[in-house]
Structure formats: structure tokens, C-alpha cells
Amino acid sequence: MTEHRPGQRLHHLGVRVRWPWPHQNPVVQRHAGTLPSAFVRYGISVPNFGVPADLVQLGHATERAGWDGFFLWDHVLVDADHPFPINDPWVVLGAIAQTTERVRLGTLVTPVARRRPWKLARETVTLDHLSGGRAVLGVGLGEPPDVEFGAFGEPTDDRVRAERLDEGLEVLFGLWSGARFSFEGRHLTVDGATFLPRPLQSPRIPVWVAVVWPNRGPLRRAAQCDGVAPIRIGPRGIEPVTPDDVREMLAVVRKQRETDAPFDVAVWVLPGTTAGAGDYEAEGVTWLIESASGAPGWLDDIRGVIEAGPPR
């Protein structure tokens, strides 16, 4: 079997991304948006907190109500002094996949630097097969680093975590290829591993990269992946990016992207505010994601948003 080695190294990013909250297999072609968008899809994003059965029920309700995607946050520990129940997102998504048929399933976002990429490769491919080719992987640095990383002796430095994220993506893509793969990086090593099965989706499971606008550094990484999931940090915390922001972002991506393959733009918006989808769609947005807050009462609040359905 031939040795597969990735070609271009993913670019380094040294910015902190705050996101609180894609033998032979049948080929499933993705129907992702292009640059610019042909239409907008609507998704729901919720914390991986609380009772796992409640999260599974939310996933089912999302499909029944006509939404296009259901995404979970990916935390292992948020507040060391005030612990509360947190669930593994991939286990929950696997349960949802078994009883849904259409809705996209994934994370927004997974801190790749916190995970072993070979384990993440197994998790994502398993979900892709269980769902019939509906998996999406959102990636970022992960927050809060002092807890999510520091509590377990993992590096908290942004630059180191960015390096580990980039290397992790290279390893992930190599293992998804199904070819014999080796890698030697500063933080990760793979010696002649072959992972089967491959993802159902071709050419791979879509990977969306978290970006805190107006920082342009992560757009280099996003341009080599399959989409971008941008937010802003304003005086009162996380804010949605504007259609003008999206126009600027995609101008940067176009200059750095070496393929005309589909590219998603997944914009977080406040629940109940997706009625202005036309302005976003005109600038190339392919997904509008309504996210729960994670504050007390979030479960009932997002359940109401889900049941109301997307604003088509």
C-alpha cells in the first residue's frame, strides 16, 4: 500500500478563539454551499450540558421541525469550582444519528488540540457512517484554556494550542484518506497507520474553522478546509458577524483558497433573528445557526425556538 503524506502544511494561528458555546465505501457527495451561496440552511447549536437524553430529544425535534442541522458544543470542563453535568458530544450525536434521516450532525466547535486526532478520526468517521454521510466537524482552539486544558496538565498557551490544532488537522485528513499515513510534527507523530473505513462523504467530512472576526489569521486555516464559523467579540460578549463582515472574510478566503470546491459559511445568530437571512445569503452565507445560551433555563428556551421551525 502506498504511503500517504500530506502536502501543504496548515498555517499557524496564534489567536485565542472564543466559541462558547464535516476497502471501498459508497460515496456520499456533499451538497454544501459554494462561494457565493446558492441558498441558506438553518441549524441549531446547543451546549453538551445536562441530561444526555434531553439532548437526543432536541436533535430529534430539530429534524421534525424542519431544521437542517443540529450541532453540539464540545466541552469537558467549564467551571472547576462549580461543576455540572457535561456529556460527550460524539456519543450523543451517534444516538441522534440512529433515529434521524436528514439533519446534519456535528460539533461547534471541537478543540482539536485537546483531543488525540486518531481518536477523533475514529469518532467522526463512525458518526459519518451511522448518519449515512451527515457528519460535520467544527474546529477551534477551545475555551476556557485554563480549565479545559490546564486542569489536565495540557498546554494553555495559544500558540502551542494553535500548532497542535494545525498538526491535528493534518493527521485527521491523512487518517481519513484510508491510505497508509505517516507524520512527524513538533507535537504529533504517526508511523505508518492505515485507518478504515474511510468517511462516507467525499472528499471528506466537512471541516468548519472557528474565526473571531476581525482577526484574519484563522482564515488561512479555513481556506484549506471546508468552511468557516465566524463570530465577533463585542463589549457585551459574543455577537453575530454582519453581512459586511462576511463579504470581507470571503474576499480574504478567495485569495488564499486553491480550489473551487464547496465552502460553507456558518454564521451564529441570536435565536429568533434569522428572518434577515436574505442579507446574509447575498454575501455568501450558507448556514445560519441559532445557538442556546447555556444560561439557566436554556433548555426550555431553545426547545421553543426549535419547535417554531426555521424561517423559510
C-alpha atoms as a PDB file:
ATOM      1  CA  MET A   1       0.000   0.000   0.000  1.00  0.00           C
ATOM      2  CA  THR A   2       1.357   3.427  -0.848  1.00  0.00           C
ATOM      3  CA  GLU A   3       2.500   5.842   1.788  1.00  0.00           C
ATOM      4  CA  HIS A   4       0.314   8.946   2.057  1.00  0.00           C
ATOM      5  CA  ARG A   5       1.846  12.142   3.324  1.00  0.00           C
ATOM      6  CA  PRO A   6       0.036  15.486   3.405  1.00  0.00           C
ATOM      7  CA  GLY A   7       1.341  18.101   1.017  1.00  0.00           C
ATOM      8  CA  GLN A   8       0.958  21.624   2.233  1.00  0.00           C
ATOM      9  CA  ARG A   9       1.332  22.272   5.938  1.00  0.00           C
ATOM     10  CA  LEU A  10      -1.566  24.081   7.534  1.00  0.00           C
ATOM     11  CA  HIS A  11      -0.699  27.615   8.544  1.00  0.00           C
ATOM     12  CA  HIS A  12      -0.031  28.596  12.128  1.00  0.00           C
ATOM     13  CA  LEU A  13      -2.520  30.608  14.156  1.00  0.00           C
ATOM     14  CA  GLY A  14      -1.666  32.376  17.378  1.00  0.00           C
ATOM     15  CA  VAL A  15      -5.033  33.842  18.320  1.00  0.00           C
ATOM     16  CA  ARG A  16      -7.388  32.736  21.029  1.00  0.00           C
ATOM     17  CA  VAL A  17     -10.703  31.586  19.601  1.00  0.00           C
ATOM     18  CA  ARG A  18     -13.703  32.049  21.849  1.00  0.00           C
ATOM     19  CA  TRP A  19     -16.583  29.866  20.824  1.00  0.00           C
ATOM     20  CA  PRO A  20     -18.906  29.059  23.750  1.00  0.00           C
ATOM     21  CA  TRP A  21     -20.927  27.640  23.037  1.00  0.00           C
ATOM     22  CA  PRO A  22     -17.992  17.891   8.083  1.00  0.00           C
ATOM     23  CA  HIS A  23     -11.609  -1.127   1.428  1.00  0.00           C
ATOM     24  CA  GLN A  24     -14.257   0.863  -0.569  1.00  0.00           C
ATOM     25  CA  ASN A  25     -17.205   2.722   0.726  1.00  0.00           C
ATOM     26  CA  PRO A  26     -20.272   4.060  -1.059  1.00  0.00           C
ATOM     27  CA  VAL A  27     -19.546   7.695  -1.884  1.00  0.00           C
ATOM     28  CA  VAL A  28     -21.888  10.328  -0.490  1.00  0.00           C
ATOM     29  CA  GLN A  29     -21.438  13.628  -2.308  1.00  0.00           C
ATOM     30  CA  ARG A  30     -21.829  16.686  -0.098  1.00  0.00           C
ATOM     31  CA  HIS A  31     -24.377  19.299  -1.026  1.00  0.00           C
ATOM     32  CA  ALA A  32     -22.559  22.151   0.672  1.00  0.00           C
ATOM     33  CA  GLY A  33     -22.889  25.735  -0.446  1.00  0.00           C
ATOM     34  CA  THR A  34     -20.402  27.385  -2.751  1.00  0.00           C
ATOM     35  CA  LEU A  35     -18.842  30.818  -2.927  1.00  0.00           C
ATOM     36  CA  PRO A  36     -21.238  32.599  -3.081  1.00  0.00           C
ATOM     37  CA  SER A  37     -24.180  30.754  -1.526  1.00  0.00           C
ATOM     38  CA  ALA A  38     -26.982  29.200  -3.540  1.00  0.00           C
ATOM     39  CA  PHE A  39     -29.288  29.038  -0.521  1.00  0.00           C
ATOM     40  CA  VAL A  40     -29.178  29.237   3.254  1.00  0.00           C
ATOM     41  CA  ARG A  41     -29.637  26.325   5.627  1.00  0.00           C
ATOM     42  CA  TYR A  42     -30.731  26.704   9.232  1.00  0.00           C
ATOM     43  CA  GLY A  43     -29.176  24.971  12.221  1.00  0.00           C
ATOM     44  CA  ILE A  44     -29.443  24.694  15.987  1.00  0.00           C
ATOM     45  CA  SER A  45     -26.440  24.693  18.343  1.00  0.00           C
ATOM     46  CA  VAL A  46     -26.726  23.665  21.992  1.00  0.00           C
ATOM     47  CA  PRO A  47     -24.366  23.001  24.916  1.00  0.00           C
ATOM     48  CA  ASN A  48     -23.312  19.431  25.618  1.00  0.00           C
ATOM     49  CA  PHE A  49     -24.616  20.012  29.151  1.00  0.00           C
ATOM     50  CA  GLY A  50     -27.319  18.371  31.247  1.00  0.00           C
ATOM     51  CA  VAL A  51     -29.149  15.082  30.744  1.00  0.00           C
ATOM     52  CA  PRO A  52     -27.994  13.268  27.594  1.00  0.00           C
ATOM     53  CA  ALA A  53     -31.500  12.028  26.805  1.00  0.00           C
ATOM     54  CA  ASP A  54     -32.670  15.655  26.669  1.00  0.00           C
ATOM     55  CA  LEU A  55     -30.025  16.423  24.051  1.00  0.00           C
ATOM     56  CA  VAL A  56     -31.067  13.420  21.983  1.00  0.00           C
ATOM     57  CA  GLN A  57     -34.676  14.603  22.121  1.00  0.00           C
ATOM     58  CA  LEU A  58     -33.600  18.073  20.964  1.00  0.00           C
ATOM     59  CA  GLY A  59     -31.847  16.507  17.988  1.00  0.00           C
ATOM     60  CA  HIS A  60     -34.959  14.582  17.017  1.00  0.00           C
ATOM     61  CA  ALA A  61     -37.123  17.689  17.446  1.00  0.00           C
ATOM     62  CA  THR A  62     -34.748  19.667  15.223  1.00  0.00           C
ATOM     63  CA  GLU A  63     -35.333  17.314  12.317  1.00  0.00           C
ATOM     64  CA  ARG A  64     -39.082  17.072  12.884  1.00  0.00           C
ATOM     65  CA  ALA A  65     -39.430  20.866  12.876  1.00  0.00           C
ATOM     66  CA  GLY A  66     -37.650  21.219   9.539  1.00  0.00           C
ATOM     67  CA  TRP A  67     -34.218  22.492  10.588  1.00  0.00           C
ATOM     68  CA  ASP A  68     -31.200  21.418   8.557  1.00  0.00           C
ATOM     69  CA  GLY A  69     -28.508  20.918  11.196  1.00  0.00           C
ATOM     70  CA  PHE A  70     -28.041  20.073  14.877  1.00  0.00           C
ATOM     71  CA  PHE A  71     -24.708  20.909  16.497  1.00  0.00           C
ATOM     72  CA  LEU A  72     -23.295  20.350  19.974  1.00  0.00           C
ATOM     73  CA  TRP A  73     -20.648  22.279  21.850  1.00  0.00           C
ATOM     74  CA  ASP A  74     -17.584  20.249  22.842  1.00  0.00           C
ATOM     75  CA  HIS A  75     -16.509  20.886  26.429  1.00  0.00           C
ATOM     76  CA  VAL A  76     -15.040  18.547  29.033  1.00  0.00           C
ATOM     77  CA  LEU A  77     -14.894  21.048  31.914  1.00  0.00           C
ATOM     78  CA  VAL A  78     -16.117  24.631  32.056  1.00  0.00           C
ATOM     79  CA  ASP A  79     -16.052  25.743  35.698  1.00  0.00           C
ATOM     80  CA  ALA A  80     -13.819  23.775  38.053  1.00  0.00           C
ATOM     81  CA  ASP A  81     -15.359  25.427  41.122  1.00  0.00           C
ATOM     82  CA  HIS A  82     -18.990  24.893  40.128  1.00  0.00           C
ATOM     83  CA  PRO A  83     -19.232  21.517  38.358  1.00  0.00           C
ATOM     84  CA  PHE A  84     -22.310  20.462  36.422  1.00  0.00           C
ATOM     85  CA  PRO A  85     -23.150  17.554  34.080  1.00  0.00           C
ATOM     86  CA  ILE A  86     -21.307  17.560  30.738  1.00  0.00           C
ATOM     87  CA  ASN A  87     -21.699  14.897  28.051  1.00  0.00           C
ATOM     88  CA  ASP A  88     -19.511  13.552  25.279  1.00  0.00           C
ATOM     89  CA  PRO A  89     -20.868  15.127  22.078  1.00  0.00           C
ATOM     90  CA  TRP A  90     -19.948  12.256  19.767  1.00  0.00           C
ATOM     91  CA  VAL A  91     -21.830   9.691  21.829  1.00  0.00           C
ATOM     92  CA  VAL A  92     -24.913  11.928  21.884  1.00  0.00           C
ATOM     93  CA  LEU A  93     -24.684  12.636  18.148  1.00  0.00           C
ATOM     94  CA  GLY A  94     -24.366   8.918  17.443  1.00  0.00           C
ATOM     95  CA  ALA A  95     -27.609   8.303  19.306  1.00  0.00           C
ATOM     96  CA  ILE A  96     -29.342  11.054  17.332  1.00  0.00           C
ATOM     97  CA  ALA A  97     -28.000   9.674  14.051  1.00  0.00           C
ATOM     98  CA  GLN A  98     -29.742   6.352  14.580  1.00  0.00           C
ATOM     99  CA  THR A  99     -33.231   7.848  14.608  1.00  0.00           C
ATOM    100  CA  THR A 100     -32.888  10.750  12.152  1.00  0.00           C
ATOM    101  CA  GLU A 101     -32.540  10.707   8.385  1.00  0.00           C
ATOM    102  CA  ARG A 102     -31.887  14.195   7.088  1.00  0.00           C
ATOM    103  CA  VAL A 103     -30.477  16.660   9.616  1.00  0.00           C
ATOM    104  CA  ARG A 104     -26.729  17.410   9.587  1.00  0.00           C
ATOM    105  CA  LEU A 105     -24.934  16.467  12.824  1.00  0.00           C
ATOM    106  CA  GLY A 106     -21.686  17.820  14.240  1.00  0.00           C
ATOM    107  CA  THR A 107     -19.799  19.914  16.772  1.00  0.00           C
ATOM    108  CA  LEU A 108     -19.369  23.675  17.063  1.00  0.00           C
ATOM    109  CA  VAL A 109     -16.619  23.505  17.923  1.00  0.00           C
ATOM    110  CA  THR A 110     -14.167  20.731  18.845  1.00  0.00           C
ATOM    111  CA  PRO A 111     -10.819  21.875  20.324  1.00  0.00           C
ATOM    112  CA  VAL A 112      -8.602  19.579  18.268  1.00  0.00           C
ATOM    113  CA  ALA A 113      -5.577  20.425  20.436  1.00  0.00           C
ATOM    114  CA  ARG A 114      -7.358  18.805  23.391  1.00  0.00           C
ATOM    115  CA  ARG A 115      -8.112  15.586  21.545  1.00  0.00           C
ATOM    116  CA  ARG A 116      -5.976  12.793  20.162  1.00  0.00           C
ATOM    117  CA  PRO A 117      -6.573  13.191  16.427  1.00  0.00           C
ATOM    118  CA  TRP A 118      -6.520   9.427  15.789  1.00  0.00           C
ATOM    119  CA  LYS A 119      -9.339   9.013  18.313  1.00  0.00           C
ATOM    120  CA  LEU A 120     -11.175  11.959  16.756  1.00  0.00           C
ATOM    121  CA  ALA A 121     -10.748  10.329  13.343  1.00  0.00           C
ATOM    122  CA  ARG A 122     -12.484   7.199  14.629  1.00  0.00           C
ATOM    123  CA  GLU A 123     -15.281   9.199  16.264  1.00  0.00           C
ATOM    124  CA  THR A 124     -16.039  11.353  13.245  1.00  0.00           C
ATOM    125  CA  VAL A 125     -15.957   8.505  10.737  1.00  0.00           C
ATOM    126  CA  THR A 126     -18.185   6.387  12.976  1.00  0.00           C
ATOM    127  CA  LEU A 127     -20.718   9.226  13.117  1.00  0.00           C
ATOM    128  CA  ASP A 128     -20.498   9.688   9.356  1.00  0.00           C
ATOM    129  CA  HIS A 129     -21.375   6.023   8.826  1.00  0.00           C
ATOM    130  CA  LEU A 130     -24.099   5.924  11.471  1.00  0.00           C
ATOM    131  CA  SER A 131     -25.713   9.001   9.927  1.00  0.00           C
ATOM    132  CA  GLY A 132     -25.364   7.962   6.300  1.00  0.00           C
ATOM    133  CA  GLY A 133     -22.917  10.760   5.497  1.00  0.00           C
ATOM    134  CA  ARG A 134     -24.272  13.677   7.538  1.00  0.00           C
ATOM    135  CA  ALA A 135     -21.335  14.472   9.843  1.00  0.00           C
ATOM    136  CA  VAL A 136     -19.753  17.930  10.175  1.00  0.00           C
ATOM    137  CA  LEU A 137     -16.690  18.803  12.263  1.00  0.00           C
ATOM    138  CA  GLY A 138     -16.284  22.328  13.604  1.00  0.00           C
ATOM    139  CA  VAL A 139     -12.791  23.053  14.949  1.00  0.00           C
ATOM    140  CA  GLY A 140     -11.151  25.758  17.049  1.00  0.00           C
ATOM    141  CA  LEU A 141      -8.697  26.391  19.871  1.00  0.00           C
ATOM    142  CA  GLY A 142     -11.169  25.822  22.718  1.00  0.00           C
ATOM    143  CA  GLU A 143     -12.209  27.842  25.734  1.00  0.00           C
ATOM    144  CA  PRO A 144     -11.580  28.353  28.614  1.00  0.00           C
ATOM    145  CA  PRO A 145      -7.974  27.127  28.266  1.00  0.00           C
ATOM    146  CA  ASP A 146      -7.085  27.358  31.952  1.00  0.00           C
ATOM    147  CA  VAL A 147      -9.829  24.829  32.712  1.00  0.00           C
ATOM    148  CA  GLU A 148     -10.324  22.812  29.522  1.00  0.00           C
ATOM    149  CA  PHE A 149      -6.563  22.335  29.140  1.00  0.00           C
ATOM    150  CA  GLY A 150      -4.810  23.490  32.306  1.00  0.00           C
ATOM    151  CA  ALA A 151      -6.814  21.295  34.682  1.00  0.00           C
ATOM    152  CA  PHE A 152      -5.345  18.238  32.966  1.00  0.00           C
ATOM    153  CA  GLY A 153      -1.767  19.408  32.552  1.00  0.00           C
ATOM    154  CA  GLU A 154      -2.229  20.296  28.876  1.00  0.00           C
ATOM    155  CA  PRO A 155      -0.566  23.412  27.406  1.00  0.00           C
ATOM    156  CA  THR A 156      -2.718  26.542  27.647  1.00  0.00           C
ATOM    157  CA  ASP A 157      -0.556  28.821  25.504  1.00  0.00           C
ATOM    158  CA  ASP A 158      -2.459  29.988  22.427  1.00  0.00           C
ATOM    159  CA  ARG A 159       0.477  29.496  20.084  1.00  0.00           C
ATOM    160  CA  VAL A 160       1.094  25.938  21.225  1.00  0.00           C
ATOM    161  CA  ARG A 161      -2.586  25.069  21.007  1.00  0.00           C
ATOM    162  CA  ALA A 162      -2.729  26.539  17.503  1.00  0.00           C
ATOM    163  CA  GLU A 163       0.251  24.428  16.444  1.00  0.00           C
ATOM    164  CA  ARG A 164      -1.423  21.335  17.882  1.00  0.00           C
ATOM    165  CA  LEU A 165      -4.647  22.224  16.079  1.00  0.00           C
ATOM    166  CA  ASP A 166      -2.861  22.528  12.740  1.00  0.00           C
ATOM    167  CA  GLU A 167      -0.940  19.297  13.218  1.00  0.00           C
ATOM    168  CA  GLY A 168      -4.102  17.583  14.413  1.00  0.00           C
ATOM    169  CA  LEU A 169      -5.925  18.555  11.232  1.00  0.00           C
ATOM    170  CA  GLU A 170      -3.101  17.217   9.078  1.00  0.00           C
ATOM    171  CA  VAL A 171      -3.225  13.925  10.941  1.00  0.00           C
ATOM    172  CA  LEU A 172      -7.005  13.809  10.740  1.00  0.00           C
ATOM    173  CA  PHE A 173      -7.022  14.362   6.979  1.00  0.00           C
ATOM    174  CA  GLY A 174      -4.307  11.767   6.490  1.00  0.00           C
ATOM    175  CA  LEU A 175      -6.110   9.117   8.513  1.00  0.00           C
ATOM    176  CA  TRP A 176      -9.411   9.862   6.781  1.00  0.00           C
ATOM    177  CA  SER A 177      -7.741   9.140   3.430  1.00  0.00           C
ATOM    178  CA  GLY A 178      -7.686   5.384   4.039  1.00  0.00           C
ATOM    179  CA  ALA A 179      -4.100   5.225   2.750  1.00  0.00           C
ATOM    180  CA  ARG A 180      -1.035   4.310   4.771  1.00  0.00           C
ATOM    181  CA  PHE A 181      -0.122   7.523   6.563  1.00  0.00           C
ATOM    182  CA  SER A 182       2.934   8.819   8.409  1.00  0.00           C
ATOM    183  CA  PHE A 183       3.505  12.182  10.027  1.00  0.00           C
ATOM    184  CA  GLU A 184       6.275  13.785  12.058  1.00  0.00           C
ATOM    185  CA  GLY A 185       5.473  17.118  13.679  1.00  0.00           C
ATOM    186  CA  ARG A 186       6.527  19.120  16.690  1.00  0.00           C
ATOM    187  CA  HIS A 187       3.713  17.705  18.805  1.00  0.00           C
ATOM    188  CA  LEU A 188       2.349  14.648  16.995  1.00  0.00           C
ATOM    189  CA  THR A 189       3.774  11.536  15.361  1.00  0.00           C
ATOM    190  CA  VAL A 190       2.099   8.870  13.243  1.00  0.00           C
ATOM    191  CA  ASP A 191       4.127   5.925  11.969  1.00  0.00           C
ATOM    192  CA  GLY A 192       2.546   4.088   9.059  1.00  0.00           C
ATOM    193  CA  ALA A 193      -1.087   3.912  10.208  1.00  0.00           C
ATOM    194  CA  THR A 194      -3.970   2.937   7.928  1.00  0.00           C
ATOM    195  CA  PHE A 195      -7.487   3.738   9.120  1.00  0.00           C
ATOM    196  CA  LEU A 196     -10.545   2.013   7.658  1.00  0.00           C
ATOM    197  CA  PRO A 197     -13.301   2.600   6.896  1.00  0.00           C
ATOM    198  CA  ARG A 198     -12.995   5.936   5.167  1.00  0.00           C
ATOM    199  CA  PRO A 199     -15.703   8.559   5.677  1.00  0.00           C
ATOM    200  CA  LEU A 200     -18.807   8.104   3.554  1.00  0.00           C
ATOM    201  CA  GLN A 201     -18.591  11.715   2.386  1.00  0.00           C
ATOM    202  CA  SER A 202     -16.306  12.632  -0.465  1.00  0.00           C
ATOM    203  CA  PRO A 203     -13.738  14.040  -0.497  1.00  0.00           C
ATOM    204  CA  ARG A 204     -14.002  14.126   3.316  1.00  0.00           C
ATOM    205  CA  ILE A 205     -16.189  15.100   6.252  1.00  0.00           C
ATOM    206  CA  PRO A 206     -16.686  18.891   6.068  1.00  0.00           C
ATOM    207  CA  VAL A 207     -14.450  20.817   8.473  1.00  0.00           C
ATOM    208  CA  TRP A 208     -15.515  24.321   9.536  1.00  0.00           C
ATOM    209  CA  VAL A 209     -12.946  26.546  11.237  1.00  0.00           C
ATOM    210  CA  ALA A 210     -13.924  28.938  14.039  1.00  0.00           C
ATOM    211  CA  VAL A 211     -12.879  32.548  13.464  1.00  0.00           C
ATOM    212  CA  VAL A 212     -13.130  35.552  15.773  1.00  0.00           C
ATOM    213  CA  TRP A 213     -13.532  38.455  13.368  1.00  0.00           C
ATOM    214  CA  PRO A 214     -11.812  40.791  12.528  1.00  0.00           C
ATOM    215  CA  ASN A 215      -8.784  38.579  13.171  1.00  0.00           C
ATOM    216  CA  ARG A 216      -7.782  37.301   9.734  1.00  0.00           C
ATOM    217  CA  GLY A 217      -5.211  34.731  10.831  1.00  0.00           C
ATOM    218  CA  PRO A 218      -7.627  31.794  11.139  1.00  0.00           C
ATOM    219  CA  LEU A 219      -8.918  32.439   7.617  1.00  0.00           C
ATOM    220  CA  ARG A 220      -5.677  30.938   6.302  1.00  0.00           C
ATOM    221  CA  ARG A 221      -6.617  27.714   8.042  1.00  0.00           C
ATOM    222  CA  ALA A 222     -10.249  27.961   6.942  1.00  0.00           C
ATOM    223  CA  ALA A 223      -9.215  28.427   3.307  1.00  0.00           C
ATOM    224  CA  GLN A 224      -7.588  24.989   3.435  1.00  0.00           C
ATOM    225  CA  CYS A 225     -10.655  23.402   4.997  1.00  0.00           C
ATOM    226  CA  ASP A 226     -14.320  23.337   4.022  1.00  0.00           C
ATOM    227  CA  GLY A 227     -15.905  26.275   5.762  1.00  0.00           C
ATOM    228  CA  VAL A 228     -15.733  28.993   8.373  1.00  0.00           C
ATOM    229  CA  ALA A 229     -17.780  29.566  11.536  1.00  0.00           C
ATOM    230  CA  PRO A 230     -17.235  33.234  12.456  1.00  0.00           C
ATOM    231  CA  ILE A 231     -18.239  35.309  15.473  1.00  0.00           C
ATOM    232  CA  ARG A 232     -17.390  38.722  16.895  1.00  0.00           C
ATOM    233  CA  ILE A 233     -16.441  39.639  20.463  1.00  0.00           C
ATOM    234  CA  GLY A 234     -18.163  42.880  21.428  1.00  0.00           C
ATOM    235  CA  PRO A 235     -18.483  44.878  24.649  1.00  0.00           C
ATOM    236  CA  ARG A 236     -21.198  42.523  25.901  1.00  0.00           C
ATOM    237  CA  GLY A 237     -19.611  39.309  24.732  1.00  0.00           C
ATOM    238  CA  ILE A 238     -20.245  37.231  21.644  1.00  0.00           C
ATOM    239  CA  GLU A 239     -22.007  38.953  18.766  1.00  0.00           C
ATOM    240  CA  PRO A 240     -23.023  37.806  15.281  1.00  0.00           C
ATOM    241  CA  VAL A 241     -20.904  38.952  12.383  1.00  0.00           C
ATOM    242  CA  THR A 242     -22.623  41.263   9.899  1.00  0.00           C
ATOM    243  CA  PRO A 243     -23.192  40.690   6.178  1.00  0.00           C
ATOM    244  CA  ASP A 244     -20.446  43.262   5.527  1.00  0.00           C
ATOM    245  CA  ASP A 245     -18.092  41.224   7.731  1.00  0.00           C
ATOM    246  CA  VAL A 246     -18.881  38.137   5.680  1.00  0.00           C
ATOM    247  CA  ARG A 247     -18.094  39.967   2.444  1.00  0.00           C
ATOM    248  CA  GLU A 248     -14.663  40.941   3.789  1.00  0.00           C
ATOM    249  CA  MET A 249     -13.960  37.443   5.092  1.00  0.00           C
ATOM    250  CA  LEU A 250     -14.791  35.736   1.829  1.00  0.00           C
ATOM    251  CA  ALA A 251     -12.617  38.183  -0.083  1.00  0.00           C
ATOM    252  CA  VAL A 252      -9.690  37.015   2.059  1.00  0.00           C
ATOM    253  CA  VAL A 253     -10.623  33.343   1.686  1.00  0.00           C
ATOM    254  CA  ARG A 254     -10.882  33.573  -2.099  1.00  0.00           C
ATOM    255  CA  LYS A 255      -7.336  34.929  -2.339  1.00  0.00           C
ATOM    256  CA  GLN A 256      -5.929  32.042  -0.285  1.00  0.00           C
ATOM    257  CA  ARG A 257      -8.095  29.162  -1.424  1.00  0.00           C
ATOM    258  CA  GLU A 258      -6.525  26.897  -4.049  1.00  0.00           C
ATOM    259  CA  THR A 259      -9.695  25.064  -5.067  1.00  0.00           C
ATOM    260  CA  ASP A 260     -13.201  25.875  -6.200  1.00  0.00           C
ATOM    261  CA  ALA A 261     -14.649  23.083  -4.033  1.00  0.00           C
ATOM    262  CA  PRO A 262     -17.742  23.887  -1.942  1.00  0.00           C
ATOM    263  CA  PHE A 263     -17.130  26.192   1.024  1.00  0.00           C
ATOM    264  CA  ASP A 264     -19.590  26.816   3.856  1.00  0.00           C
ATOM    265  CA  VAL A 265     -20.057  29.979   5.888  1.00  0.00           C
ATOM    266  CA  ALA A 266     -21.877  29.120   9.121  1.00  0.00           C
ATOM    267  CA  VAL A 267     -22.903  32.296  10.958  1.00  0.00           C
ATOM    268  CA  TRP A 268     -24.084  32.263  14.552  1.00  0.00           C
ATOM    269  CA  VAL A 269     -27.131  34.436  15.131  1.00  0.00           C
ATOM    270  CA  LEU A 270     -29.299  35.224  18.123  1.00  0.00           C
ATOM    271  CA  PRO A 271     -32.321  32.915  18.465  1.00  0.00           C
ATOM    272  CA  GLY A 272     -35.311  34.318  16.639  1.00  0.00           C
ATOM    273  CA  THR A 273     -33.294  36.702  14.436  1.00  0.00           C
ATOM    274  CA  THR A 274     -32.817  34.570  11.319  1.00  0.00           C
ATOM    275  CA  ALA A 275     -35.553  36.459   9.477  1.00  0.00           C
ATOM    276  CA  GLY A 276     -32.853  38.626   7.877  1.00  0.00           C
ATOM    277  CA  ALA A 277     -31.355  35.655   6.060  1.00  0.00           C
ATOM    278  CA  GLY A 278     -31.546  37.354   2.673  1.00  0.00           C
ATOM    279  CA  ASP A 279     -28.846  39.894   3.515  1.00  0.00           C
ATOM    280  CA  TYR A 280     -26.512  37.123   4.680  1.00  0.00           C
ATOM    281  CA  GLU A 281     -27.292  34.885   1.726  1.00  0.00           C
ATOM    282  CA  ALA A 282     -26.447  37.681  -0.691  1.00  0.00           C
ATOM    283  CA  GLU A 283     -22.909  37.777   0.751  1.00  0.00           C
ATOM    284  CA  GLY A 284     -22.318  34.015   0.561  1.00  0.00           C
ATOM    285  CA  VAL A 285     -23.574  32.662   3.907  1.00  0.00           C
ATOM    286  CA  THR A 286     -24.681  29.029   3.613  1.00  0.00           C
ATOM    287  CA  TRP A 287     -25.762  28.373   7.221  1.00  0.00           C
ATOM    288  CA  LEU A 288     -27.442  30.447   9.925  1.00  0.00           C
ATOM    289  CA  ILE A 289     -27.004  28.799  13.324  1.00  0.00           C
ATOM    290  CA  GLU A 290     -29.264  29.705  16.250  1.00  0.00           C
ATOM    291  CA  SER A 291     -27.451  28.867  19.491  1.00  0.00           C
ATOM    292  CA  ALA A 292     -28.659  28.296  23.017  1.00  0.00           C
ATOM    293  CA  SER A 293     -27.090  30.491  25.674  1.00  0.00           C
ATOM    294  CA  GLY A 294     -26.107  27.847  28.210  1.00  0.00           C
ATOM    295  CA  ALA A 295     -27.573  30.077  30.944  1.00  0.00           C
ATOM    296  CA  PRO A 296     -30.195  28.743  33.390  1.00  0.00           C
ATOM    297  CA  GLY A 297     -33.371  27.898  31.510  1.00  0.00           C
ATOM    298  CA  TRP A 298     -31.600  27.448  28.170  1.00  0.00           C
ATOM    299  CA  LEU A 299     -33.152  24.033  27.549  1.00  0.00           C
ATOM    300  CA  ASP A 300     -36.737  25.290  27.585  1.00  0.00           C
ATOM    301  CA  ASP A 301     -35.778  28.404  25.628  1.00  0.00           C
ATOM    302  CA  ILE A 302     -34.107  26.536  22.780  1.00  0.00           C
ATOM    303  CA  ARG A 303     -36.853  23.918  22.723  1.00  0.00           C
ATOM    304  CA  GLY A 304     -39.304  26.699  21.906  1.00  0.00           C
ATOM    305  CA  VAL A 305     -37.029  28.024  19.155  1.00  0.00           C
ATOM    306  CA  ILE A 306     -36.715  24.548  17.654  1.00  0.00           C
ATOM    307  CA  GLU A 307     -40.444  23.852  17.720  1.00  0.00           C
ATOM    308  CA  ALA A 308     -41.171  27.159  15.959  1.00  0.00           C
ATOM    309  CA  GLY A 309     -39.139  25.905  12.990  1.00  0.00           C
ATOM    310  CA  PRO A 310     -36.742  27.755  10.692  1.00  0.00           C
ATOM    311  CA  PRO A 311     -37.902  30.972   8.959  1.00  0.00           C
ATOM    312  CA  ARG A 312     -38.247  29.644   5.426  1.00  0.00           C
END
